[in-house]
Amino acid sequence: MQRSLYILGWGYVATCGLVLVRDARRPVFSGVHVQPAVAYAGPAGQWFQQIKPYCNAVEVEMAQRTSPPPATLEGAGYSAACYALGGRIDHARQAIDALPSDDRWRAAGIVFDVAHPVADAGDDRSAGPIMQLVVDYWPNHYMALYHAGMAEYSLGQPALARAHLERFLEHYSPDDGWRRNAIEVLERLGRSPARP
């Protein structure tokens, strides 16, 4: 009796081993053909309008992986803008850095155009890093300097706010609300800028 149980047990182990070996040779996704993502073939602005709802912290990376932007300057700019809106500034920077150096400021301009409404709405926590990104590639973009400075002021970063607002005043001379706001904030920060 014991010998028959011994033989039966080893037979069971051998059968399990054969099943495991057979299943190990099967593809994991048998019957499912996965196509690699292909860059969008239409205009970059149209791609962005389709992907914009997914430009958030949760979905931005997967959305761009499954639906890559057109391989153009505009595609890189909109891709960077989408990443920036999703709070992925490093990814936005990578999208811009992949361009030739002479085109990077143009892509940053696209990022600014997309993010400007965020800054105008007063979302300083989101707008500040995006505007800093724009300034990094387009150092004399006066509106990005203004919004970066105001966001930094609101977030309690006086040294950065001062630097950006002073540079804004160097590049922006009209005596209007933008300039007066920058001067007022600089005065609060302890600097009296020269009036025009």
Protein backbone atom coordinates (compact mmCIF):
# COMPACT_ATOMS: atom_id res chain seq x y z
CA MET A 1 0.00 0.00 0.00
CA GLN A 2 2.74 2.41 0.92
CA ARG A 3 4.67 1.67 -2.26
CA SER A 4 1.60 2.41 -4.44
CA LEU A 5 1.07 5.74 -2.67
CA TYR A 6 4.75 6.52 -3.18
CA ILE A 7 4.48 5.79 -6.92
CA LEU A 8 1.20 7.73 -7.18
CA GLY A 9 2.76 10.76 -5.42
CA TRP A 10 5.77 10.83 -7.75
CA GLY A 11 3.46 10.45 -10.73
CA TYR A 12 1.52 13.52 -9.56
CA VAL A 13 4.76 15.54 -9.16
CA ALA A 14 5.88 14.50 -12.67
CA THR A 15 2.52 15.53 -14.15
CA CYS A 16 2.72 18.93 -12.44
CA GLY A 17 6.24 19.39 -13.77
CA LEU A 18 5.10 18.65 -17.33
CA VAL A 19 2.24 21.14 -17.04
CA LEU A 20 4.61 23.84 -15.76
CA VAL A 21 7.12 23.23 -18.55
CA ARG A 22 4.36 23.30 -21.19
CA ASP A 23 2.84 26.52 -19.81
CA ALA A 24 6.24 28.19 -19.54
CA ARG A 25 6.60 27.87 -23.31
CA ARG A 26 3.29 29.64 -24.01
CA PRO A 27 3.34 33.41 -24.61
CA VAL A 28 1.88 35.37 -21.74
CA PHE A 29 -0.64 37.15 -23.96
CA SER A 30 -1.53 34.28 -26.29
CA GLY A 31 -3.88 35.43 -29.02
CA VAL A 32 -3.40 39.15 -28.22
CA HIS A 33 -1.36 41.21 -30.66
CA VAL A 34 0.00 44.37 -29.05
CA GLN A 35 0.93 47.10 -31.51
CA PRO A 36 3.68 49.55 -30.60
CA ALA A 37 2.59 53.16 -30.11
CA VAL A 38 2.91 55.25 -33.25
CA ALA A 39 3.35 59.03 -33.17
CA TYR A 40 0.26 61.04 -34.08
CA ALA A 41 0.28 61.88 -37.79
CA GLY A 42 -1.88 65.02 -37.73
CA PRO A 43 -1.19 68.57 -36.55
CA ALA A 44 0.34 68.89 -33.07
CA GLY A 45 -2.40 71.26 -31.89
CA GLN A 46 -5.02 68.66 -32.77
CA TRP A 47 -3.04 65.97 -30.90
CA PHE A 48 -2.90 68.25 -27.86
CA GLN A 49 -6.65 68.89 -27.89
CA GLN A 50 -7.25 65.13 -27.85
CA ILE A 51 -4.77 64.41 -25.07
CA LYS A 52 -5.36 67.52 -22.93
CA PRO A 53 -7.93 65.85 -20.63
CA TYR A 54 -5.18 63.39 -19.66
CA CYS A 55 -2.56 66.06 -18.87
CA ASN A 56 -2.85 65.51 -15.14
CA ALA A 57 -0.60 63.98 -12.51
CA VAL A 58 -2.27 60.56 -12.70
CA GLU A 59 -2.62 59.99 -16.46
CA VAL A 60 -0.04 62.13 -18.26
CA GLU A 61 2.74 59.57 -18.60
CA MET A 62 0.53 56.70 -19.78
CA ALA A 63 -1.37 58.98 -22.16
CA GLN A 64 1.81 60.14 -23.88
CA ARG A 65 3.23 56.63 -23.95
CA THR A 66 0.13 55.23 -25.68
CA SER A 67 -0.43 58.25 -27.93
CA PRO A 68 2.92 59.93 -28.64
CA PRO A 69 2.92 63.45 -30.07
CA PRO A 70 3.96 64.25 -33.64
CA ALA A 71 7.73 64.23 -34.07
CA THR A 72 7.88 67.99 -34.75
CA LEU A 73 8.88 71.14 -32.90
CA GLU A 74 5.21 71.79 -32.14
CA GLY A 75 4.72 68.19 -31.04
CA ALA A 76 7.59 68.52 -28.57
CA GLY A 77 6.22 71.84 -27.31
CA TYR A 78 2.73 70.46 -26.74
CA SER A 79 4.16 67.31 -25.19
CA ALA A 80 6.18 69.46 -22.77
CA ALA A 81 3.09 71.56 -22.03
CA CYS A 82 1.07 68.43 -21.26
CA TYR A 83 3.78 67.09 -18.95
CA ALA A 84 4.05 70.50 -17.27
CA LEU A 85 0.29 70.69 -16.66
CA GLY A 86 0.55 67.24 -15.10
CA GLY A 87 3.29 68.47 -12.76
CA ARG A 88 6.01 66.46 -14.52
CA ILE A 89 8.44 69.33 -15.09
CA ASP A 90 11.42 66.98 -15.55
CA HIS A 91 9.58 65.16 -18.36
CA ALA A 92 8.65 68.51 -19.91
CA ARG A 93 12.30 69.52 -19.80
CA GLN A 94 13.30 66.22 -21.49
CA ALA A 95 10.81 66.85 -24.31
CA ILE A 96 12.28 70.30 -24.91
CA ASP A 97 15.90 69.17 -24.52
CA ALA A 98 15.39 66.57 -27.26
CA LEU A 99 15.07 69.46 -29.75
CA PRO A 100 17.97 71.27 -31.41
CA SER A 101 19.13 74.12 -29.16
CA ASP A 102 17.84 76.80 -31.56
CA ASP A 103 14.29 75.42 -31.31
CA ARG A 104 14.02 75.04 -27.54
CA TRP A 105 12.84 78.58 -26.85
CA ARG A 106 10.05 78.11 -29.40
CA ALA A 107 8.86 74.96 -27.63
CA ALA A 108 8.99 76.88 -24.34
CA GLY A 109 6.75 79.48 -25.98
CA ILE A 110 4.17 76.78 -26.66
CA VAL A 111 4.39 75.73 -23.02
CA PHE A 112 3.82 79.35 -21.98
CA ASP A 113 0.79 79.75 -24.25
CA VAL A 114 -0.80 76.61 -22.80
CA ALA A 115 0.02 77.45 -19.17
CA HIS A 116 -0.72 81.19 -19.26
CA PRO A 117 -4.41 80.69 -18.34
CA VAL A 118 -3.28 78.67 -15.29
CA ALA A 119 -1.14 81.62 -14.17
CA ASP A 120 -3.90 84.13 -14.88
CA ALA A 121 -6.30 82.02 -12.82
CA GLY A 122 -3.98 82.43 -9.82
CA ASP A 123 -2.87 78.80 -9.44
CA ASP A 124 0.60 79.80 -8.23
CA ARG A 125 1.58 76.34 -7.03
CA SER A 126 1.11 74.97 -10.57
CA ALA A 127 2.10 78.05 -12.55
CA GLY A 128 5.35 78.86 -10.75
CA PRO A 129 7.36 75.80 -11.84
CA ILE A 130 5.93 76.00 -15.37
CA MET A 131 6.88 79.65 -15.73
CA GLN A 132 10.35 78.88 -14.37
CA LEU A 133 10.65 76.22 -17.07
CA VAL A 134 9.75 78.79 -19.73
CA VAL A 135 12.25 81.29 -18.33
CA ASP A 136 14.99 78.65 -18.35
CA TYR A 137 14.67 78.37 -22.14
CA TRP A 138 13.52 81.93 -22.94
CA PRO A 139 15.21 84.14 -20.31
CA ASN A 140 13.74 87.44 -21.49
CA HIS A 141 10.11 86.29 -21.82
CA TYR A 142 8.71 89.15 -19.77
CA MET A 143 5.30 87.61 -19.01
CA ALA A 144 6.88 84.33 -17.86
CA LEU A 145 9.23 86.38 -15.65
CA TYR A 146 6.27 88.26 -14.21
CA HIS A 147 4.19 85.15 -13.50
CA ALA A 148 7.19 83.25 -12.09
CA GLY A 149 7.96 86.18 -9.76
CA MET A 150 4.37 86.57 -8.60
CA ALA A 151 3.99 82.83 -8.00
CA GLU A 152 7.23 82.73 -6.02
CA TYR A 153 6.13 85.74 -3.97
CA SER A 154 2.81 84.03 -3.19
CA LEU A 155 4.60 80.82 -2.22
CA GLY A 156 7.02 82.61 0.16
CA GLN A 157 10.15 82.49 -2.02
CA PRO A 158 11.29 86.13 -1.77
CA ALA A 159 14.77 85.77 -3.32
CA LEU A 160 13.45 84.07 -6.45
CA ALA A 161 10.50 86.47 -6.65
CA ARG A 162 12.82 89.46 -6.41
CA ALA A 163 15.15 88.14 -9.13
CA HIS A 164 12.34 87.40 -11.57
CA LEU A 165 10.42 90.62 -10.97
CA GLU A 166 13.54 92.75 -11.33
CA ARG A 167 14.28 91.05 -14.65
CA PHE A 168 10.65 91.55 -15.67
CA LEU A 169 11.02 95.31 -15.09
CA GLU A 170 14.19 95.33 -17.22
CA HIS A 171 12.25 93.92 -20.18
CA TYR A 172 8.85 95.54 -19.68
CA SER A 173 8.52 99.31 -19.69
CA PRO A 174 4.81 100.23 -20.20
CA ASP A 175 3.41 101.96 -17.14
CA ASP A 176 0.44 99.66 -16.61
CA GLY A 177 -1.01 97.26 -14.06
CA TRP A 178 1.59 94.55 -14.70
CA ARG A 179 4.48 96.89 -14.05
CA ARG A 180 2.81 98.57 -11.07
CA ASN A 181 2.07 95.17 -9.48
CA ALA A 182 5.69 94.11 -9.91
CA ILE A 183 6.93 97.38 -8.35
CA GLU A 184 4.50 97.04 -5.44
CA VAL A 185 5.64 93.47 -4.69
CA LEU A 186 9.30 94.48 -4.93
CA GLU A 187 8.65 97.32 -2.47
CA ARG A 188 7.06 94.81 -0.09
CA LEU A 189 10.17 92.69 -0.48
CA GLY A 190 12.33 95.64 0.52
CA ARG A 191 13.52 96.92 -2.82
CA SER A 192 12.42 100.22 -4.33
CA PRO A 193 12.71 99.88 -8.10
CA ALA A 194 13.19 102.94 -10.24
CA ARG A 195 9.92 104.26 -11.62
CA PRO A 196 9.71 104.81 -15.40
